[in-house]
Protein backbone atom coordinates (compact mmCIF):
# COMPACT_ATOMS: atom_id res chain seq x y z
CA MET A 1 -0.23 -100.00 -30.93
CA LYS A 2 0.85 -99.97 -27.16
CA THR A 3 2.50 -96.62 -27.52
CA ARG A 4 -0.96 -95.25 -29.17
CA ILE A 5 -3.08 -95.88 -26.36
CA PRO A 6 -1.33 -93.92 -23.86
CA LEU A 7 -0.93 -91.14 -26.45
CA LEU A 8 -4.70 -91.09 -27.05
CA CYS A 9 -5.44 -91.11 -23.19
CA SER A 10 -2.80 -88.27 -22.69
CA ALA A 11 -4.93 -86.36 -25.53
CA LEU A 12 -8.30 -87.14 -24.37
CA ILE A 13 -6.97 -86.15 -20.48
CA LEU A 14 -5.77 -82.57 -21.90
CA ALA A 15 -8.83 -82.02 -24.00
CA ALA A 16 -11.08 -82.62 -20.90
CA LEU A 17 -8.98 -80.39 -18.65
CA LEU A 18 -9.23 -77.37 -21.27
CA LEU A 19 -12.77 -77.92 -21.46
CA LEU A 20 -13.22 -77.83 -17.98
CA GLY A 21 -11.05 -74.76 -17.38
CA GLY A 22 -12.54 -73.09 -19.99
CA TYR A 23 -16.01 -73.66 -18.35
CA CYS A 24 -14.69 -72.75 -14.95
CA PHE A 25 -12.72 -69.83 -15.70
CA GLY A 26 -14.20 -68.46 -18.85
CA GLN A 27 -17.59 -67.55 -17.53
CA ASN A 28 -17.28 -64.27 -15.69
CA TYR A 29 -20.23 -62.11 -15.22
CA VAL A 30 -19.92 -58.64 -17.08
CA ALA A 31 -21.02 -55.99 -14.46
CA LYS A 32 -23.17 -53.18 -15.24
CA ALA A 33 -22.63 -49.77 -14.12
CA ASN A 34 -25.87 -49.63 -12.26
CA GLU A 35 -25.78 -52.93 -10.27
CA GLU A 36 -28.03 -53.32 -7.42
CA LEU A 37 -25.00 -53.97 -5.15
CA TYR A 38 -23.59 -50.66 -5.60
CA GLY A 39 -24.04 -48.08 -2.81
CA THR A 40 -23.68 -47.45 0.50
CA TRP A 41 -24.63 -50.55 3.00
CA ILE A 42 -25.28 -50.46 6.83
CA MET A 43 -25.23 -53.94 8.57
CA VAL A 44 -26.48 -54.48 11.76
CA LYS A 45 -24.08 -57.53 12.27
CA GLY A 46 -20.61 -58.05 11.22
CA ASP A 47 -17.26 -56.93 11.34
CA PHE A 48 -17.74 -54.16 9.10
CA PRO A 49 -20.93 -52.08 9.83
CA LYS A 50 -20.76 -49.93 6.99
CA MET A 51 -19.52 -50.65 3.19
CA ILE A 52 -19.38 -48.67 0.11
CA ASN A 53 -19.62 -50.88 -3.03
CA LEU A 54 -18.50 -48.94 -6.39
CA PRO A 55 -17.43 -50.62 -9.66
CA GLY A 56 -14.52 -52.52 -9.31
CA LYS A 57 -13.90 -51.33 -5.81
CA ARG A 58 -15.26 -51.86 -2.12
CA GLU A 59 -14.49 -49.84 1.03
CA GLN A 60 -15.34 -51.18 4.64
CA PHE A 61 -15.42 -49.08 7.67
CA PHE A 62 -15.25 -50.16 11.50
CA SER A 63 -18.16 -47.81 12.27
CA VAL A 64 -20.79 -46.48 10.59
CA ASP A 65 -19.79 -42.72 11.60
CA ALA A 66 -16.02 -43.28 9.93
CA SER A 67 -15.15 -41.04 6.96
CA THR A 68 -12.13 -42.79 6.14
CA PRO A 69 -12.07 -46.74 5.17
CA SER A 70 -10.58 -49.32 7.25
CA GLN A 71 -10.13 -51.45 4.27
CA GLU A 72 -10.20 -51.09 0.44
CA LEU A 73 -10.66 -54.10 -1.86
CA ALA A 74 -10.67 -54.53 -5.39
CA VAL A 75 -13.59 -56.45 -6.42
CA GLU A 76 -14.57 -58.63 -9.66
CA ILE A 77 -18.26 -59.70 -9.73
CA GLU A 78 -18.02 -63.32 -11.03
CA ASN A 79 -21.90 -64.25 -11.07
CA LYS A 80 -25.10 -62.84 -10.29
CA TRP A 81 -28.37 -64.55 -9.92
CA THR A 82 -32.05 -64.02 -8.76
CA ASP A 83 -34.11 -66.61 -6.67
CA SER A 84 -37.74 -67.16 -7.11
CA ASP A 85 -38.60 -64.42 -4.70
CA GLY A 86 -36.64 -61.77 -6.56
CA ASN A 87 -33.72 -61.49 -4.24
CA VAL A 88 -30.66 -60.71 -6.25
CA PHE A 89 -27.24 -62.52 -5.18
CA PHE A 90 -23.94 -61.81 -5.94
CA GLN A 91 -20.72 -63.80 -5.96
CA ASP A 92 -17.60 -61.88 -6.07
CA PHE A 93 -13.86 -61.88 -5.71
CA CYS A 94 -11.97 -59.56 -3.51
CA ASN A 95 -8.21 -58.48 -2.99
CA VAL A 96 -7.34 -56.27 -0.05
CA ARG A 97 -5.43 -53.23 -1.59
CA LYS A 98 -5.21 -51.27 1.68
CA PHE A 99 -5.79 -52.16 5.45
CA GLN A 100 -6.04 -49.75 8.43
CA ASN A 101 -6.09 -51.27 11.70
CA VAL A 102 -7.96 -48.63 13.80
């Protein structure tokens, strides 16, 4: 009986971790080919005033006039939602593939 309790507790903890891991890591958003995020964005403030978002890729530029990106990133959209005002938000995960210090 004494050996069954730790074994049962271990099994319950393992099941809880598997369920939690599946919930946290198994719900990636499947991006469409025409997401609102895709296109060229010009920002007034920020480190990169120009960004080009493409499926799976983002190019960031140190100036609006630049034709060569300062940074290239691999991008995965993890989540997308719309608030009550109709604003669309994206949560993404980025890995820097190339950085050029100008």
